[in-house]
Amino acid sequence: MSVRSLIALAVAAGLVAAGMAWDAGLFAPPPPDLVETPETVAAGQAVFAYRCTPCHRDVPLQRRVAGWTPEQAYAVVGRLPQVRRANMPPFQGSEADRRALATFLSALGGGRARQP
């Protein structure tokens, strides 16, 4: 095999790998920061009311989430089944729902929101 053939093969392999990385989202920009606004908190409260209230109706969470940042809440929501002693199902909402719920939980823990 000639040097030209090897170079062409390497370029083709690189293009295929880059295409696969693109499809996997590796070149996607990072998601925007989790910013608490009245709109994100209200959206998160609505997600909580729909997805969480059936089990958490009588379980106040404000003290449990006290001091959480939106980023901490986001991480916990993403790994609910692994949370010790919580017996939680996986979060079934969209990425936007998870982000809104995280800002709501942070606001709830900080006394800036009320549990529905």
N, C-alpha and C. Protein backbone atom coordinates (compact mmCIF):
# COMPACT_ATOMS: atom_id res chain seq x y z
N MET A 1 0.85 -1.17 0.00
CA MET A 1 0.00 0.00 0.00
C MET A 1 0.90 1.23 0.00
N SER A 2 0.56 2.17 -0.84
CA SER A 2 1.38 3.37 -0.97
C SER A 2 1.11 4.35 0.17
N VAL A 3 2.00 5.29 0.31
CA VAL A 3 1.86 6.32 1.33
C VAL A 3 0.59 7.13 1.07
N ARG A 4 0.32 7.41 -0.19
CA ARG A 4 -0.89 8.16 -0.54
C ARG A 4 -2.15 7.41 -0.12
N SER A 5 -2.16 6.13 -0.33
CA SER A 5 -3.31 5.30 0.05
C SER A 5 -3.49 5.30 1.57
N LEU A 6 -2.39 5.21 2.29
CA LEU A 6 -2.46 5.23 3.75
C LEU A 6 -2.97 6.57 4.25
N ILE A 7 -2.53 7.64 3.66
CA ILE A 7 -3.00 8.97 4.06
C ILE A 7 -4.49 9.11 3.76
N ALA A 8 -4.90 8.67 2.59
CA ALA A 8 -6.32 8.74 2.23
C ALA A 8 -7.16 7.90 3.19
N LEU A 9 -6.67 6.73 3.54
CA LEU A 9 -7.38 5.87 4.48
C LEU A 9 -7.47 6.53 5.86
N ALA A 10 -6.40 7.15 6.31
CA ALA A 10 -6.39 7.82 7.61
C ALA A 10 -7.36 9.01 7.61
N VAL A 11 -7.38 9.77 6.52
CA VAL A 11 -8.30 10.90 6.42
C VAL A 11 -9.74 10.40 6.44
N ALA A 12 -10.02 9.35 5.70
CA ALA A 12 -11.38 8.79 5.66
C ALA A 12 -11.79 8.30 7.05
N ALA A 13 -10.89 7.62 7.74
CA ALA A 13 -11.20 7.13 9.08
C ALA A 13 -11.44 8.30 10.04
N GLY A 14 -10.65 9.36 9.88
CA GLY A 14 -10.85 10.54 10.72
C GLY A 14 -12.19 11.20 10.47
N LEU A 15 -12.59 11.26 9.21
CA LEU A 15 -13.89 11.86 8.89
C LEU A 15 -15.04 11.01 9.44
N VAL A 16 -14.91 9.71 9.35
CA VAL A 16 -15.95 8.82 9.90
C VAL A 16 -16.02 9.00 11.42
N ALA A 17 -14.86 9.04 12.08
CA ALA A 17 -14.85 9.22 13.54
C ALA A 17 -15.43 10.58 13.92
N ALA A 18 -15.10 11.61 13.17
CA ALA A 18 -15.65 12.94 13.46
C ALA A 18 -17.16 12.95 13.28
N GLY A 19 -17.64 12.29 12.24
CA GLY A 19 -19.08 12.20 12.03
C GLY A 19 -19.79 11.48 13.16
N MET A 20 -19.18 10.41 13.64
CA MET A 20 -19.77 9.67 14.77
C MET A 20 -19.76 10.53 16.03
N ALA A 21 -18.69 11.27 16.26
CA ALA A 21 -18.62 12.15 17.43
C ALA A 21 -19.67 13.25 17.33
N TRP A 22 -19.87 13.77 16.12
CA TRP A 22 -20.88 14.80 15.91
C TRP A 22 -22.26 14.25 16.22
N ASP A 23 -22.56 13.07 15.69
CA ASP A 23 -23.86 12.43 15.93
C ASP A 23 -24.08 12.14 17.41
N ALA A 24 -23.01 11.84 18.13
CA ALA A 24 -23.13 11.55 19.56
C ALA A 24 -23.25 12.81 20.40
N GLY A 25 -23.13 13.98 19.78
CA GLY A 25 -23.28 15.23 20.51
C GLY A 25 -22.02 15.72 21.17
N LEU A 26 -20.88 15.12 20.82
CA LEU A 26 -19.63 15.52 21.46
C LEU A 26 -19.17 16.92 21.06
N PHE A 27 -19.69 17.43 19.95
CA PHE A 27 -19.33 18.77 19.52
C PHE A 27 -20.42 19.78 19.85
N ALA A 28 -21.45 19.33 20.55
CA ALA A 28 -22.55 20.22 20.91
C ALA A 28 -22.07 21.21 21.98
N PRO A 29 -22.58 22.41 21.96
CA PRO A 29 -22.19 23.35 23.01
C PRO A 29 -22.74 22.87 24.35
N PRO A 30 -22.06 23.22 25.44
CA PRO A 30 -22.57 22.80 26.75
C PRO A 30 -23.92 23.45 27.01
N PRO A 31 -24.76 22.81 27.82
CA PRO A 31 -26.05 23.42 28.12
C PRO A 31 -25.84 24.71 28.90
N PRO A 32 -26.79 25.61 28.81
CA PRO A 32 -26.65 26.86 29.57
C PRO A 32 -26.67 26.59 31.07
N ASP A 33 -26.09 27.50 31.81
CA ASP A 33 -26.09 27.37 33.27
C ASP A 33 -27.52 27.28 33.79
N LEU A 34 -27.68 26.64 34.91
CA LEU A 34 -28.97 26.57 35.57
C LEU A 34 -29.17 27.87 36.34
N VAL A 35 -30.05 28.70 35.86
CA VAL A 35 -30.28 30.02 36.44
C VAL A 35 -31.69 30.05 37.02
N GLU A 36 -31.76 30.42 38.27
CA GLU A 36 -33.07 30.53 38.93
C GLU A 36 -33.73 31.84 38.54
N THR A 37 -34.85 31.74 37.88
CA THR A 37 -35.68 32.90 37.56
C THR A 37 -37.10 32.55 38.00
N PRO A 38 -37.97 33.54 38.12
CA PRO A 38 -39.36 33.21 38.45
C PRO A 38 -39.97 32.22 37.45
N GLU A 39 -39.58 32.34 36.18
CA GLU A 39 -40.14 31.46 35.16
C GLU A 39 -39.63 30.02 35.31
N THR A 40 -38.32 29.85 35.58
CA THR A 40 -37.80 28.49 35.72
C THR A 40 -38.33 27.83 36.99
N VAL A 41 -38.47 28.61 38.06
CA VAL A 41 -39.02 28.06 39.30
C VAL A 41 -40.48 27.64 39.09
N ALA A 42 -41.25 28.48 38.43
CA ALA A 42 -42.66 28.14 38.16
C ALA A 42 -42.76 26.90 37.27
N ALA A 43 -41.89 26.81 36.26
CA ALA A 43 -41.89 25.62 35.40
C ALA A 43 -41.52 24.38 36.21
N GLY A 44 -40.52 24.51 37.08
CA GLY A 44 -40.12 23.38 37.92
C GLY A 44 -41.19 22.99 38.91
N GLN A 45 -41.91 23.96 39.44
CA GLN A 45 -43.01 23.67 40.35
C GLN A 45 -44.10 22.89 39.62
N ALA A 46 -44.35 23.25 38.37
CA ALA A 46 -45.34 22.52 37.57
C ALA A 46 -44.88 21.09 37.31
N VAL A 47 -43.59 20.91 37.02
CA VAL A 47 -43.05 19.55 36.82
C VAL A 47 -43.20 18.77 38.11
N PHE A 48 -42.86 19.39 39.23
CA PHE A 48 -42.97 18.72 40.52
C PHE A 48 -44.42 18.31 40.78
N ALA A 49 -45.34 19.23 40.53
CA ALA A 49 -46.76 18.95 40.77
C ALA A 49 -47.22 17.75 39.94
N TYR A 50 -46.76 17.67 38.71
CA TYR A 50 -47.20 16.60 37.80
C TYR A 50 -46.48 15.29 38.08
N ARG A 51 -45.15 15.34 38.25
CA ARG A 51 -44.35 14.11 38.32
C ARG A 51 -44.06 13.64 39.74
N CYS A 52 -44.05 14.53 40.70
CA CYS A 52 -43.56 14.16 42.03
C CYS A 52 -44.65 14.15 43.11
N THR A 53 -45.67 15.00 42.95
CA THR A 53 -46.69 15.12 43.98
C THR A 53 -47.42 13.82 44.29
N PRO A 54 -47.65 12.94 43.32
CA PRO A 54 -48.35 11.71 43.69
C PRO A 54 -47.70 10.98 44.87
N CYS A 55 -46.39 10.99 44.95
CA CYS A 55 -45.71 10.33 46.08
C CYS A 55 -45.31 11.32 47.18
N HIS A 56 -45.04 12.56 46.81
CA HIS A 56 -44.54 13.54 47.78
C HIS A 56 -45.61 14.48 48.30
N ARG A 57 -46.86 14.14 48.11
CA ARG A 57 -47.94 15.00 48.60
C ARG A 57 -47.82 15.25 50.10
N ASP A 58 -47.52 14.21 50.86
CA ASP A 58 -47.44 14.33 52.31
C ASP A 58 -46.00 14.25 52.82
N VAL A 59 -45.04 14.40 51.94
CA VAL A 59 -43.63 14.34 52.33
C VAL A 59 -43.00 15.70 52.05
N PRO A 60 -42.91 16.56 53.07
CA PRO A 60 -42.30 17.87 52.84
C PRO A 60 -40.81 17.72 52.51
N LEU A 61 -40.38 18.40 51.48
CA LEU A 61 -38.99 18.27 51.03
C LEU A 61 -38.12 19.48 51.35
N GLN A 62 -38.70 20.56 51.83
CA GLN A 62 -37.91 21.78 52.01
C GLN A 62 -36.67 21.55 52.86
N ARG A 63 -36.80 20.87 53.97
CA ARG A 63 -35.63 20.63 54.82
C ARG A 63 -34.64 19.67 54.17
N ARG A 64 -35.15 18.71 53.40
CA ARG A 64 -34.27 17.73 52.75
C ARG A 64 -33.42 18.36 51.65
N VAL A 65 -33.93 19.40 51.02
CA VAL A 65 -33.19 20.03 49.91
C VAL A 65 -32.59 21.37 50.31
N ALA A 66 -32.63 21.68 51.60
CA ALA A 66 -32.08 22.96 52.08
C ALA A 66 -30.61 23.07 51.71
N GLY A 67 -30.26 24.20 51.13
CA GLY A 67 -28.87 24.46 50.77
C GLY A 67 -28.44 23.91 49.43
N TRP A 68 -29.32 23.21 48.74
CA TRP A 68 -28.95 22.67 47.43
C TRP A 68 -28.83 23.78 46.40
N THR A 69 -27.82 23.69 45.58
CA THR A 69 -27.71 24.57 44.42
C THR A 69 -28.51 23.91 43.29
N PRO A 70 -28.85 24.66 42.26
CA PRO A 70 -29.52 24.02 41.12
C PRO A 70 -28.69 22.88 40.52
N GLU A 71 -27.37 23.04 40.51
CA GLU A 71 -26.51 21.99 39.96
C GLU A 71 -26.56 20.72 40.80
N GLN A 72 -26.58 20.88 42.13
CA GLN A 72 -26.69 19.70 43.00
C GLN A 72 -28.04 19.02 42.80
N ALA A 73 -29.09 19.79 42.72
CA ALA A 73 -30.42 19.22 42.50
C ALA A 73 -30.49 18.51 41.16
N TYR A 74 -29.90 19.10 40.14
CA TYR A 74 -29.87 18.49 38.81
C TYR A 74 -29.18 17.13 38.86
N ALA A 75 -28.05 17.06 39.56
CA ALA A 75 -27.32 15.80 39.67
C ALA A 75 -28.14 14.75 40.41
N VAL A 76 -28.79 15.13 41.49
CA VAL A 76 -29.59 14.17 42.26
C VAL A 76 -30.77 13.67 41.45
N VAL A 77 -31.46 14.56 40.75
CA VAL A 77 -32.60 14.15 39.93
C VAL A 77 -32.15 13.15 38.86
N GLY A 78 -30.93 13.30 38.37
CA GLY A 78 -30.42 12.38 37.35
C GLY A 78 -30.06 11.02 37.87
N ARG A 79 -29.92 10.88 39.17
CA ARG A 79 -29.55 9.58 39.74
C ARG A 79 -30.49 9.15 40.87
N LEU A 80 -31.75 9.47 40.73
CA LEU A 80 -32.72 9.17 41.78
C LEU A 80 -32.72 7.72 42.25
N PRO A 81 -32.67 6.73 41.37
CA PRO A 81 -32.70 5.35 41.88
C PRO A 81 -31.49 4.99 42.76
N GLN A 82 -30.39 5.72 42.63
CA GLN A 82 -29.21 5.42 43.44
C GLN A 82 -29.16 6.19 44.75
N VAL A 83 -30.10 7.09 44.99
CA VAL A 83 -30.09 7.88 46.22
C VAL A 83 -30.40 6.96 47.39
N ARG A 84 -29.51 6.96 48.37
CA ARG A 84 -29.66 6.06 49.53
C ARG A 84 -30.98 6.30 50.25
N ARG A 85 -31.60 5.22 50.61
CA ARG A 85 -32.84 5.19 51.41
C ARG A 85 -33.99 5.97 50.78
N ALA A 86 -33.92 6.29 49.51
CA ALA A 86 -34.97 7.09 48.90
C ALA A 86 -36.01 6.24 48.17
N ASN A 87 -35.61 5.08 47.65
CA ASN A 87 -36.52 4.21 46.92
C ASN A 87 -37.26 4.98 45.83
N MET A 88 -36.50 5.68 45.00
CA MET A 88 -37.06 6.55 43.98
C MET A 88 -36.97 5.89 42.60
N PRO A 89 -37.97 6.14 41.76
CA PRO A 89 -37.88 5.67 40.37
C PRO A 89 -37.03 6.64 39.56
N PRO A 90 -36.58 6.23 38.39
CA PRO A 90 -35.85 7.17 37.53
C PRO A 90 -36.74 8.33 37.13
N PHE A 91 -36.14 9.50 36.93
CA PHE A 91 -36.89 10.66 36.49
C PHE A 91 -37.31 10.44 35.04
N GLN A 92 -38.59 10.60 34.76
CA GLN A 92 -39.14 10.32 33.44
C GLN A 92 -39.36 11.56 32.59
N GLY A 93 -39.01 12.71 33.07
CA GLY A 93 -39.24 13.94 32.31
C GLY A 93 -38.17 14.20 31.27
N SER A 94 -38.35 15.27 30.54
CA SER A 94 -37.39 15.69 29.52
C SER A 94 -36.21 16.40 30.18
N GLU A 95 -35.21 16.72 29.37
CA GLU A 95 -34.06 17.48 29.86
C GLU A 95 -34.51 18.85 30.37
N ALA A 96 -35.43 19.48 29.66
CA ALA A 96 -35.95 20.79 30.10
C ALA A 96 -36.70 20.64 31.42
N ASP A 97 -37.45 19.56 31.58
CA ASP A 97 -38.16 19.31 32.84
C ASP A 97 -37.17 19.13 33.99
N ARG A 98 -36.10 18.36 33.74
CA ARG A 98 -35.10 18.11 34.78
C ARG A 98 -34.42 19.42 35.20
N ARG A 99 -34.10 20.26 34.23
CA ARG A 99 -33.45 21.54 34.53
C ARG A 99 -34.39 22.45 35.33
N ALA A 100 -35.66 22.49 34.94
CA ALA A 100 -36.63 23.32 35.66
C ALA A 100 -36.85 22.79 37.07
N LEU A 101 -36.97 21.46 37.20
CA LEU A 101 -37.16 20.86 38.52
C LEU A 101 -35.98 21.17 39.43
N ALA A 102 -34.78 21.15 38.88
CA ALA A 102 -33.59 21.46 39.68
C ALA A 102 -33.63 22.87 40.22
N THR A 103 -34.05 23.84 39.40
CA THR A 103 -34.12 25.21 39.90
C THR A 103 -35.22 25.35 40.94
N PHE A 104 -36.33 24.63 40.75
CA PHE A 104 -37.40 24.66 41.74
C PHE A 104 -36.94 24.07 43.07
N LEU A 105 -36.27 22.92 43.03
CA LEU A 105 -35.82 22.29 44.28
C LEU A 105 -34.83 23.18 45.03
N SER A 106 -33.96 23.84 44.28
CA SER A 106 -33.02 24.77 44.91
C SER A 106 -33.77 25.92 45.57
N ALA A 107 -34.75 26.47 44.87
CA ALA A 107 -35.54 27.57 45.43
C ALA A 107 -36.36 27.08 46.63
N LEU A 108 -36.89 25.87 46.54
CA LEU A 108 -37.65 25.30 47.66
C LEU A 108 -36.76 25.18 48.89
N GLY A 109 -35.57 24.65 48.71
CA GLY A 109 -34.63 24.50 49.82
C GLY A 109 -34.16 25.81 50.40
N GLY A 110 -34.21 26.86 49.59
CA GLY A 110 -33.82 28.19 50.06
C GLY A 110 -34.97 29.03 50.56
N GLY A 111 -36.17 28.43 50.60
CA GLY A 111 -37.35 29.16 51.10
C GLY A 111 -37.91 30.15 50.10
N ARG A 112 -37.51 30.03 48.83
CA ARG A 112 -37.99 30.97 47.80
C ARG A 112 -39.13 30.39 46.98
N ALA A 113 -39.55 29.18 47.31
CA ALA A 113 -40.67 28.53 46.62
C ALA A 113 -41.42 27.67 47.61
N ARG A 114 -42.63 27.30 47.24
CA ARG A 114 -43.47 26.45 48.10
C ARG A 114 -43.76 25.15 47.39
N GLN A 115 -43.78 24.09 48.17
CA GLN A 115 -44.10 22.78 47.62
C GLN A 115 -45.59 22.70 47.32
N PRO A 116 -45.95 22.29 46.09
CA PRO A 116 -47.38 22.22 45.76
C PRO A 116 -48.10 21.13 46.56
